[in-house]
Structure formats: structure tokens, C-alpha cells
Amino acid sequence: MRLVYNLFTYVLFLPYTVYWLARAVLNPSYRPKIGQRFGWGYPRLDRPIWIHAVSVGEVVAAAPLIRAMLRDYPDRQVLVSTVTPTGAARVDALFGDQVTHAYIPFEFPHAVRAFFAATNPAIAMIMETEIWPNLYEGCGRRKIPLVLVSARISPKSVNGYRKLLPLFRETLSHGIVIAAQSQADADRFLSLGASEERTRVTGNIKFDIELPADLVERGVDFRAATFGSRPVWIAASTHEGEEQLVLDAHAKLLESHADLLLVLVPRHPERFAGVRELLDRRGIPTIARTEDRRATADTSVFLGDTMGEVPLFYAATDIAFVGGSLVPIGGHNLLEPAALGKPIVTGPHVFNAQEIADRFLTEDACRMVDDAAELATAVAELLDEPGLAAQMGANGLALLEKNRGALGRLLEMGRPLIGGD
């Protein structure tokens, strides 16, 4: 099965190369370190603590873990790998030269070997569920402890993995420690061949989110300087096709809340210009963050066209819609606005964090809507009933506080694996 898998990776070599070269041509952010995806240009390191986080959301979730590693192991290098340039940019913004960043190699055996030869990690800590058979086999062959952090696996994914059960059973046999989000996740990993002895339920470290101590104060100041006293809602981390729905909802809201301002923040920076064109085509008075000017009385939309400022925008607004959920992307992090006590609205497509979304719904800490009309109705209700909005925000904050602690359990579990060397 592994031989077939490796042959398949090499069949993909040419189209994958063409794909990434095309991405690099269209988006300059893909050009730096592009060779690393194929095994070239990795930094030479000496037994670092390696943490892998796919993109922005996983980097934000991993930030408390990375800070703990820097604090607890000051003499060790920390390597943070990502898949996306936006994830790389977030690593740089949060940690600068405190850590070393690299892109994870694609599953070509030669690229994986080159990655390990250069970086030589002491431990691998992979956020959530990134199952890479060759990478994991490489850890096992080199006796590198590997921990799946906040590991989750959906029933649908289990069914897919079972079609390749011999490969995944072998992949999960390489001494991998599963730090599962829930007992249900742990049971699904066990059904795929994970070791019962090395599978534990530690919870989700996303609940251990850390926000800057001065974030609320900076949000208040930013709001006063940029939005004035107007009511403001935010649609954050939106995707293709979702901005149109949000703008339809905003147009409906303006019929009853004429001074309402929308903060619109697309998920990916390469889409900033396209979303601005959409706003201009629709004739919507807009200012952008990069213009660095105050909203006027006729400004309807504030376009967040910078990276890393979503927490500040959450802190400066009244109601948070979390994107990637009105379109089938899977939803983004509900815990950032919850940590600020904001009332939250989400679409129905939240399968990337279904358990968290279900908890928020059960605890009346968010509203789920299916379309633009329902989004407008939910936001209007929260604007018109400040007590309801405050209670929803308090419910979300309480839920977050109640579920903290996964990071401490993970650090305790990882200490003997990291060791002193």
C-alpha cells in the first residue's frame, strides 16, 4: 500500500509543480521558500521542537503552545511549519525571529527525507488532524516522538480513511501520540488503528486562546478614532461568494438601521482587491484600512485589507459574523470573538469545528443562519436588544473559560517526550 501511495505522489509531481508555479506567478506571497515544498532550501537546525500549523487559524490556535515552548525550553530552537503563505505571515507577525519558519514538504519521499535531514527535530507536534503517511513514517523511522495536538476526526473522514485502512493503520502505528479533542475523536482514531495506550483525551487548545492584555482598550480607541459613535458589525474571514451575501444582508439592515457600519474582512489577502472591486461595482461607499482615514457619515463599509488585525476589529465592533460558514468552507474560529465577549452569528457550514459550534448553539452563545435574509434578521435582533446581545456574549465567554486547560494537559504529556536534549 505504501509503494502504491508513493507512486501516486510522484504521479502528482508534475501537476503539483505546475500548480505551485502558477500560484507563485499570480500571487507573489507564494514565491519565498517555494523550493521547500519540494525539499530544497530548508534551514539547518539542531534538534528543534517542531510545531506544524496549516494556516492562519491553526497558527493562532498554536500560539499559546509555541509561547509555552519558548518559555519552558529557552535553550531549544522552535521550528514552526505551515502550508500557506498567510500562515507564514501570521507566524512572523506573532513571533518574528523567536522561531524559525519553514513550509512543510509535499509527500514526495525525497522531499520528506530532505526536510528531516536538514531540520532534525527532537519532537513533532502537529495541530489538529494533518495525516501525512510519509512524514509520519519518517518520524517513526528516526524515532522522533510525534503528537497530534487537539486531534479531531469527523465520522465522514473516518469512512474515507477506512478505504485506505492498511496505509493509515500503518501510519498511526509509528509511536504516534493522539491528544484528542474528545472521547468521540479518540474512538475514531482507535478504529483506524491508533494505539490505545498512546491515545488520550486532552481537549482542544483553541479554548486556551490568549489575547493581548491591551486589546480591548486598543479596540475602543480604534473605534472612536475610525467609526465614531455609530453601531458597527463585522463579517470576518469571508470567502468567495460570501461577501455578496453579507452585503445583501447589510443592505437590508440599512433599511432599519441607517447609521450602521459594516467591517468586511476577506480571509485571504489575494482577494482584497477583488472585494474592493465588488464594493465599487455595487456603488457602496467604502473606506479601506490601508487608507488610514476616518469613516464619514456616508461610509457604509470599512474594508479590512490588512493581515493580522481581525482581533482588533472584533474588539472595535458590536456583533461578529464569522465567515467561511455561509459557503461550504467549514467555518472559522468562533473563539476569538467569544474571548472578547461579542455576540456571534455563523452560517450553517461549520464542519471544521462542529463540536465547538454545537456547544455554542447549546449554550445560546451564538446564532446560526442559513442565508442573507436570516443574517440580517439575526443582526437586527442583536442591535435592537442590547441585553440579549450582552447575554449571548457573556455565554460565549463563560463557555470558553469553562473549557480552558487543554494546553496544560498537553504540556504535561509532552514534557517526557521532549526530554532535556
Protein backbone atom coordinates (compact mmCIF):
# COMPACT_ATOMS: atom_id res chain seq x y z
CA MET A 1 0.00 0.00 0.00
CA ARG A 2 2.85 2.42 0.81
CA LEU A 3 4.52 1.65 -2.52
CA VAL A 4 1.28 2.48 -4.34
CA TYR A 5 0.92 5.66 -2.28
CA ASN A 6 4.47 6.78 -3.11
CA LEU A 7 3.97 6.05 -6.80
CA PHE A 8 0.82 8.16 -6.63
CA THR A 9 2.73 11.08 -5.09
CA TYR A 10 5.21 11.02 -7.96
CA VAL A 11 2.38 10.85 -10.50
CA LEU A 12 1.24 14.14 -8.93
CA PHE A 13 4.72 15.67 -9.06
CA LEU A 14 4.32 17.45 -12.42
CA PRO A 15 0.76 18.83 -11.92
CA TYR A 16 1.63 19.83 -8.36
CA THR A 17 4.74 21.67 -9.61
CA VAL A 18 2.71 23.46 -12.29
CA TYR A 19 0.07 24.38 -9.71
CA TRP A 20 2.55 25.94 -7.29
CA LEU A 21 4.45 27.77 -10.00
CA ALA A 22 1.15 29.21 -11.23
CA ARG A 23 0.28 30.28 -7.69
CA ALA A 24 3.67 31.95 -7.39
CA VAL A 25 3.16 33.85 -10.64
CA LEU A 26 -0.32 35.04 -9.66
CA ASN A 27 0.48 35.72 -6.00
CA PRO A 28 3.99 36.90 -5.01
CA SER A 29 3.46 35.70 -1.43
CA TYR A 30 3.85 32.12 -2.68
CA ARG A 31 7.35 32.75 -4.08
CA PRO A 32 9.54 32.88 -0.96
CA LYS A 33 10.80 29.42 0.05
CA ILE A 34 8.83 27.73 -2.75
CA GLY A 35 11.62 25.20 -3.10
CA GLN A 36 10.95 23.92 0.41
CA ARG A 37 7.73 22.32 -0.78
CA PHE A 38 9.92 20.08 -2.95
CA GLY A 39 12.68 19.51 -0.39
CA TRP A 40 15.11 22.34 -1.18
CA GLY A 41 16.37 25.20 0.95
CA TYR A 42 15.50 24.05 4.46
CA PRO A 43 17.32 25.71 7.38
CA ARG A 44 19.92 23.60 9.18
CA LEU A 45 18.71 23.13 12.74
CA ASP A 46 19.79 21.14 15.78
CA ARG A 47 17.04 19.12 17.45
CA PRO A 48 14.34 21.82 17.43
CA ILE A 49 10.84 21.50 18.82
CA TRP A 50 8.78 21.30 15.63
CA ILE A 51 5.19 22.55 15.59
CA HIS A 52 3.12 22.31 12.39
CA ALA A 53 0.09 24.55 11.80
CA VAL A 54 -1.57 24.57 8.37
CA SER A 55 -2.72 28.17 8.05
CA VAL A 56 -3.78 31.27 9.96
CA GLY A 57 -6.40 29.60 12.13
CA GLU A 58 -4.09 26.81 13.24
CA VAL A 59 -1.24 29.27 13.87
CA VAL A 60 -3.49 31.35 16.13
CA ALA A 61 -4.61 28.18 17.94
CA ALA A 62 -1.00 27.02 18.30
CA ALA A 63 0.27 30.39 19.56
CA PRO A 64 -0.14 29.57 23.28
CA LEU A 65 1.68 26.25 22.70
CA ILE A 66 4.51 28.00 20.84
CA ARG A 67 4.83 30.60 23.61
CA ALA A 68 4.93 27.82 26.20
CA MET A 69 7.73 26.07 24.31
CA LEU A 70 9.73 29.31 24.08
CA ARG A 71 9.20 29.89 27.80
CA ASP A 72 9.82 26.35 29.08
CA TYR A 73 12.68 25.43 26.74
CA PRO A 74 14.64 28.67 26.23
CA ASP A 75 17.73 26.79 25.04
CA ARG A 76 15.87 24.90 22.31
CA GLN A 77 15.13 26.12 18.81
CA VAL A 78 11.46 26.17 17.80
CA LEU A 79 10.54 25.36 14.20
CA VAL A 80 7.04 26.31 13.03
CA SER A 81 5.91 24.96 9.67
CA THR A 82 2.85 25.97 7.68
CA VAL A 83 1.24 25.14 4.35
CA THR A 84 0.01 28.60 3.36
CA PRO A 85 1.79 31.97 3.00
CA THR A 86 -0.90 33.59 5.16
CA GLY A 87 0.02 31.14 7.90
CA ALA A 88 3.68 32.03 7.41
CA ALA A 89 2.88 35.74 7.66
CA ARG A 90 0.99 35.14 10.90
CA VAL A 91 3.93 33.24 12.36
CA ASP A 92 6.21 36.15 11.51
CA ALA A 93 3.79 38.73 12.93
CA LEU A 94 3.37 36.84 16.20
CA PHE A 95 6.92 35.59 16.81
CA GLY A 96 9.38 37.24 14.42
CA ASP A 97 12.86 35.79 14.83
CA GLN A 98 11.96 33.98 18.07
CA VAL A 99 11.12 30.95 15.92
CA THR A 100 12.23 29.54 12.59
CA HIS A 101 9.57 29.17 9.90
CA ALA A 102 9.55 26.65 7.06
CA TYR A 103 6.97 25.25 4.68
CA ILE A 104 6.11 21.61 5.16
CA PRO A 105 7.24 19.45 2.23
CA PHE A 106 4.79 17.74 -0.05
CA GLU A 107 4.63 13.97 0.40
CA PHE A 108 7.33 13.16 -2.15
CA PRO A 109 9.68 10.73 -0.33
CA HIS A 110 12.80 12.68 -1.39
CA ALA A 111 11.30 15.95 -0.09
CA VAL A 112 10.41 14.38 3.25
CA ARG A 113 13.92 12.93 3.61
CA ALA A 114 15.46 16.34 2.83
CA PHE A 115 13.24 18.03 5.41
CA PHE A 116 14.31 15.65 8.18
CA ALA A 117 17.97 15.70 7.16
CA ALA A 118 18.06 19.49 7.49
CA THR A 119 15.78 20.15 10.46
CA ASN A 120 16.43 17.03 12.60
CA PRO A 121 13.55 17.72 15.04
CA ALA A 122 13.52 16.40 18.60
CA ILE A 123 9.71 16.18 18.61
CA ALA A 124 6.90 16.84 16.14
CA MET A 125 3.65 18.44 17.30
CA ILE A 126 1.04 18.54 14.54
CA MET A 127 -2.02 20.73 15.04
CA GLU A 128 -5.40 19.02 14.69
CA THR A 129 -5.59 16.33 12.00
CA GLU A 130 -2.94 16.56 9.34
CA ILE A 131 -2.28 12.94 8.39
CA TRP A 132 0.80 12.67 6.17
CA PRO A 133 1.84 8.99 5.78
CA ASN A 134 5.39 9.64 4.57
CA LEU A 135 6.04 12.42 7.07
CA TYR A 136 4.76 10.29 9.94
CA GLU A 137 6.69 7.26 8.74
CA GLY A 138 9.78 9.48 8.65
CA CYS A 139 9.25 10.41 12.29
CA GLY A 140 8.84 6.76 13.24
CA ARG A 141 11.91 5.66 11.31
CA ARG A 142 14.01 8.35 13.06
CA LYS A 143 12.40 7.73 16.47
CA ILE A 144 11.06 11.29 16.61
CA PRO A 145 8.12 11.48 19.05
CA LEU A 146 5.04 12.73 17.20
CA VAL A 147 1.99 14.23 18.91
CA LEU A 148 -1.27 15.07 17.16
CA VAL A 149 -2.39 18.15 19.08
CA SER A 150 -6.13 18.75 19.58
CA ALA A 151 -6.63 15.84 17.20
CA ARG A 152 -10.06 15.53 15.67
CA ILE A 153 -11.58 13.35 13.02
CA SER A 154 -15.14 13.50 11.71
CA PRO A 155 -17.32 10.43 11.08
CA LYS A 156 -17.25 11.31 7.38
CA SER A 157 -13.44 11.39 7.36
CA VAL A 158 -13.26 8.03 9.12
CA ASN A 159 -15.26 6.45 6.33
CA GLY A 160 -12.84 7.91 3.78
CA TYR A 161 -9.75 6.77 5.68
CA ARG A 162 -11.15 3.24 6.01
CA LYS A 163 -10.93 2.86 2.24
CA LEU A 164 -7.15 3.06 2.73
CA LEU A 165 -7.15 1.35 6.11
CA PRO A 166 -3.88 -0.64 5.73
CA LEU A 167 -1.99 2.58 4.92
CA PHE A 168 -3.50 4.60 7.76
CA ARG A 169 -3.23 1.73 10.26
CA GLU A 170 0.48 1.53 9.42
CA THR A 171 0.81 5.33 9.54
CA LEU A 172 -0.74 5.55 13.01
CA SER A 173 1.47 2.72 14.32
CA HIS A 174 4.69 4.76 14.36
CA GLY A 175 4.60 5.61 18.06
CA ILE A 176 2.18 8.47 17.41
CA VAL A 177 0.56 10.05 20.47
CA ILE A 178 -3.02 11.14 19.85
CA ALA A 179 -4.04 14.10 22.06
CA ALA A 180 -7.71 14.02 21.06
CA GLN A 181 -10.21 16.82 21.44
CA SER A 182 -12.95 14.49 22.70
CA GLN A 183 -13.65 10.85 23.51
CA ALA A 184 -15.55 10.52 20.24
CA ASP A 185 -12.46 11.70 18.33
CA ALA A 186 -10.28 9.29 20.30
CA ASP A 187 -12.61 6.39 19.49
CA ARG A 188 -12.47 7.20 15.78
CA PHE A 189 -8.67 7.20 15.82
CA LEU A 190 -8.68 3.88 17.66
CA SER A 191 -10.94 2.44 14.96
CA LEU A 192 -8.28 3.36 12.39
CA GLY A 193 -5.51 1.56 14.24
CA ALA A 194 -4.16 4.09 16.73
CA SER A 195 -2.61 2.68 19.89
CA GLU A 196 -4.98 2.64 22.86
CA GLU A 197 -2.01 3.20 25.19
CA ARG A 198 -0.95 6.34 23.29
CA THR A 199 -4.41 7.83 22.66
CA ARG A 200 -5.58 10.32 25.26
CA VAL A 201 -8.29 12.94 25.56
CA THR A 202 -6.72 16.31 26.37
CA GLY A 203 -9.33 18.72 24.97
CA ASN A 204 -8.99 21.49 22.44
CA ILE A 205 -6.18 24.01 22.98
CA LYS A 206 -8.15 26.52 20.92
CA PHE A 207 -10.03 27.22 24.17
CA ASP A 208 -6.71 28.35 25.68
CA ILE A 209 -6.67 31.33 23.35
CA GLU A 210 -4.51 34.24 24.52
CA LEU A 211 -5.32 37.80 23.50
CA PRO A 212 -3.11 40.83 24.17
CA ALA A 213 -3.89 42.42 27.53
CA ASP A 214 -4.47 45.81 25.92
CA LEU A 215 -6.62 44.55 23.02
CA VAL A 216 -9.95 45.78 24.41
CA GLU A 217 -8.51 49.23 25.13
CA ARG A 218 -6.97 49.44 21.65
CA GLY A 219 -10.27 48.34 20.13
CA VAL A 220 -12.15 51.09 21.94
CA ASP A 221 -9.61 53.69 20.83
CA PHE A 222 -9.62 52.44 17.24
CA ARG A 223 -13.41 52.51 17.14
CA ALA A 224 -13.60 56.06 18.47
CA ALA A 225 -10.97 57.27 16.02
CA THR A 226 -12.30 55.46 12.94
CA PHE A 227 -16.02 54.74 13.37
CA GLY A 228 -17.14 57.35 15.88
CA SER A 229 -20.31 56.50 17.80
CA ARG A 230 -22.03 54.50 15.06
CA PRO A 231 -23.20 50.90 15.61
CA VAL A 232 -20.79 48.50 13.90
CA TRP A 233 -20.91 44.83 12.94
CA ILE A 234 -18.15 42.73 11.41
CA ALA A 235 -18.08 39.95 8.84
CA ALA A 236 -14.67 38.37 9.33
CA SER A 237 -12.76 35.77 7.31
CA THR A 238 -15.19 35.79 4.40
CA HIS A 239 -14.72 33.74 1.22
CA GLU A 240 -15.65 33.88 -2.45
CA GLY A 241 -19.43 34.14 -2.81
CA GLU A 242 -19.89 35.05 0.85
CA GLU A 243 -19.25 38.79 0.54
CA GLN A 244 -22.25 39.12 -1.78
CA LEU A 245 -24.49 37.51 0.85
CA VAL A 246 -23.08 39.71 3.61
CA LEU A 247 -23.58 42.85 1.51
CA ASP A 248 -27.16 41.80 0.75
CA ALA A 249 -27.76 41.43 4.49
CA HIS A 250 -26.14 44.81 5.16
CA ALA A 251 -28.35 46.50 2.55
CA LYS A 252 -31.40 45.04 4.29
CA LEU A 253 -30.14 46.18 7.69
CA LEU A 254 -29.67 49.75 6.46
CA GLU A 255 -33.41 50.00 5.86
CA SER A 256 -33.97 49.92 9.63
CA HIS A 257 -30.53 50.96 10.95
CA ALA A 258 -29.45 53.77 8.65
CA ASP A 259 -26.22 54.60 10.50
CA LEU A 260 -24.97 51.01 10.71
CA LEU A 261 -21.39 50.37 9.53
CA LEU A 262 -20.07 47.02 8.28
CA VAL A 263 -16.46 45.94 8.77
CA LEU A 264 -15.75 43.44 6.00
CA VAL A 265 -12.57 41.34 6.24
CA PRO A 266 -11.88 38.78 3.48
CA ARG A 267 -9.97 35.71 4.63
CA HIS A 268 -7.20 35.80 2.03
CA PRO A 269 -5.13 38.88 1.09
CA GLU A 270 -5.09 38.00 -2.61
CA ARG A 271 -8.85 38.69 -2.61
CA PHE A 272 -8.67 42.18 -1.09
CA ALA A 273 -8.58 43.91 -4.47
CA GLY A 274 -11.39 41.79 -5.88
CA VAL A 275 -13.65 42.51 -2.92
CA ARG A 276 -12.93 46.22 -3.27
CA GLU A 277 -13.97 45.98 -6.93
CA LEU A 278 -17.18 44.26 -5.84
CA LEU A 279 -17.94 47.09 -3.41
CA ASP A 280 -17.24 49.70 -6.09
CA ARG A 281 -19.43 47.90 -8.64
CA ARG A 282 -22.28 47.90 -6.16
CA GLY A 283 -21.76 51.60 -5.51
CA ILE A 284 -21.20 51.11 -1.79
CA PRO A 285 -19.33 53.98 -0.09
CA THR A 286 -16.23 52.29 1.30
CA ILE A 287 -13.01 53.15 3.06
CA ALA A 288 -10.17 50.67 3.48
CA ARG A 289 -7.92 50.08 6.46
CA THR A 290 -4.86 50.82 4.31
CA GLU A 291 -6.25 54.29 3.54
CA ASP A 292 -5.90 55.13 7.25
CA ARG A 293 -8.77 57.59 7.41
CA ARG A 294 -11.91 58.11 9.44
CA ALA A 295 -15.31 56.95 8.24
CA THR A 296 -17.60 59.75 7.15
CA ALA A 297 -21.38 59.92 7.62
CA ASP A 298 -21.99 58.25 4.27
CA THR A 299 -19.39 55.47 4.67
CA SER A 300 -21.22 52.15 4.64
CA VAL A 301 -18.38 49.61 4.63
CA PHE A 302 -14.92 49.53 6.18
CA LEU A 303 -12.76 47.06 4.24
CA GLY A 304 -10.17 45.30 6.37
CA ASP A 305 -7.43 44.89 3.78
CA THR A 306 -4.56 44.11 6.16
CA MET A 307 -3.32 40.92 7.78
CA GLY A 308 -3.39 40.09 11.48
CA GLU A 309 -5.85 42.76 12.62
CA VAL A 310 -9.05 40.73 12.89
CA PRO A 311 -8.81 40.60 16.73
CA LEU A 312 -8.54 44.42 16.80
CA PHE A 313 -11.58 44.71 14.52
CA TYR A 314 -13.55 42.28 16.70
CA ALA A 315 -12.69 44.43 19.72
CA ALA A 316 -13.92 47.55 17.89
CA THR A 317 -17.33 46.18 16.83
CA ASP A 318 -20.66 45.22 18.41
CA ILE A 319 -21.63 41.97 16.65
CA ALA A 320 -19.43 39.36 14.95
CA PHE A 321 -20.32 37.23 11.95
CA VAL A 322 -17.64 34.55 11.49
CA GLY A 323 -17.19 33.71 7.83
CA GLY A 324 -16.46 30.60 5.83
CA SER A 325 -19.83 29.41 7.07
CA LEU A 326 -22.45 30.76 4.64
CA VAL A 327 -20.50 28.96 1.91
CA PRO A 328 -19.25 25.37 2.34
CA ILE A 329 -15.75 26.19 3.60
CA GLY A 330 -16.28 24.79 7.08
CA GLY A 331 -16.28 27.91 9.22
CA HIS A 332 -13.56 29.72 11.14
CA ASN A 333 -12.64 30.43 14.74
CA LEU A 334 -15.63 31.30 16.95
CA LEU A 335 -13.39 31.58 20.00
CA GLU A 336 -11.67 34.87 19.09
CA PRO A 337 -14.87 36.95 19.26
CA ALA A 338 -16.06 34.85 22.20
CA ALA A 339 -12.91 35.74 24.15
CA LEU A 340 -13.93 39.39 23.73
CA GLY A 341 -17.49 38.75 24.89
CA LYS A 342 -19.03 39.51 21.49
CA PRO A 343 -22.38 38.09 20.35
CA ILE A 344 -21.70 35.77 17.42
CA VAL A 345 -23.55 34.83 14.25
CA THR A 346 -22.46 31.99 11.98
CA GLY A 347 -23.68 30.22 8.89
CA PRO A 348 -24.58 26.51 8.76
CA HIS A 349 -21.27 25.24 7.30
CA VAL A 350 -19.18 24.80 10.45
CA PHE A 351 -17.83 21.28 9.95
CA ASN A 352 -14.22 22.39 10.59
CA ALA A 353 -15.16 22.87 14.24
CA GLN A 354 -18.57 21.23 14.50
CA GLU A 355 -18.23 20.30 18.16
CA ILE A 356 -17.36 23.87 19.19
CA ALA A 357 -20.23 25.27 17.12
CA ASP A 358 -22.64 22.76 18.66
CA ARG A 359 -21.57 23.79 22.15
CA PHE A 360 -22.06 27.46 21.31
CA LEU A 361 -25.54 26.76 19.99
CA THR A 362 -26.49 24.65 23.01
CA GLU A 363 -25.29 27.34 25.41
CA ASP A 364 -27.06 30.13 23.47
CA ALA A 365 -23.68 31.70 22.72
CA CYS A 366 -24.29 32.22 19.00
CA ARG A 367 -26.96 32.33 16.30
CA MET A 368 -26.84 30.12 13.21
CA VAL A 369 -28.36 31.44 9.96
CA ASP A 370 -28.81 29.91 6.52
CA ASP A 371 -28.81 32.89 4.16
CA ALA A 372 -28.57 36.66 3.78
CA ALA A 373 -32.14 37.29 4.93
CA GLU A 374 -31.65 35.32 8.15
CA LEU A 375 -28.29 37.02 8.72
CA ALA A 376 -29.95 40.43 8.51
CA THR A 377 -32.69 39.33 10.90
CA ALA A 378 -30.21 37.97 13.46
CA VAL A 379 -28.01 41.08 13.40
CA ALA A 380 -31.05 43.37 13.63
CA GLU A 381 -32.32 41.46 16.67
CA LEU A 382 -28.98 41.83 18.43
CA LEU A 383 -28.81 45.53 17.58
CA ASP A 384 -32.33 46.14 18.85
CA GLU A 385 -31.93 44.11 22.05
CA PRO A 386 -28.64 45.08 23.75
CA GLY A 387 -29.46 42.93 26.77
CA LEU A 388 -29.82 39.86 24.57
CA ALA A 389 -26.54 40.68 22.79
CA ALA A 390 -24.72 41.14 26.10
CA GLN A 391 -26.05 37.85 27.46
CA MET A 392 -25.03 35.97 24.33
CA GLY A 393 -21.53 37.44 24.57
CA ALA A 394 -21.34 36.51 28.26
CA ASN A 395 -22.47 32.97 27.46
CA GLY A 396 -19.71 32.58 24.89
CA LEU A 397 -17.05 33.91 27.25
CA ALA A 398 -18.25 31.58 30.03
CA LEU A 399 -18.16 28.60 27.68
CA LEU A 400 -14.60 29.44 26.66
CA GLU A 401 -13.43 29.82 30.26
CA LYS A 402 -15.08 26.54 31.28
CA ASN A 403 -13.16 24.59 28.63
CA ARG A 404 -9.70 26.00 29.19
CA GLY A 405 -6.94 23.66 30.38
CA ALA A 406 -6.07 21.55 27.34
CA LEU A 407 -2.73 23.34 26.97
CA GLY A 408 -1.66 22.42 30.50
CA ARG A 409 -2.57 18.76 29.94
CA LEU A 410 -0.71 18.76 26.63
CA LEU A 411 2.44 20.31 28.15
CA GLU A 412 2.43 17.74 30.94
CA MET A 413 2.08 14.93 28.43
CA GLY A 414 4.79 16.33 26.14
CA ARG A 415 7.44 17.01 28.79
CA PRO A 416 8.88 13.47 28.94
CA LEU A 417 8.76 13.21 25.16
CA ILE A 418 10.81 16.40 24.67
CA GLY A 419 13.34 15.49 27.36
CA GLY A 420 16.40 17.56 28.07
CA ASP A 421 18.25 17.01 24.80
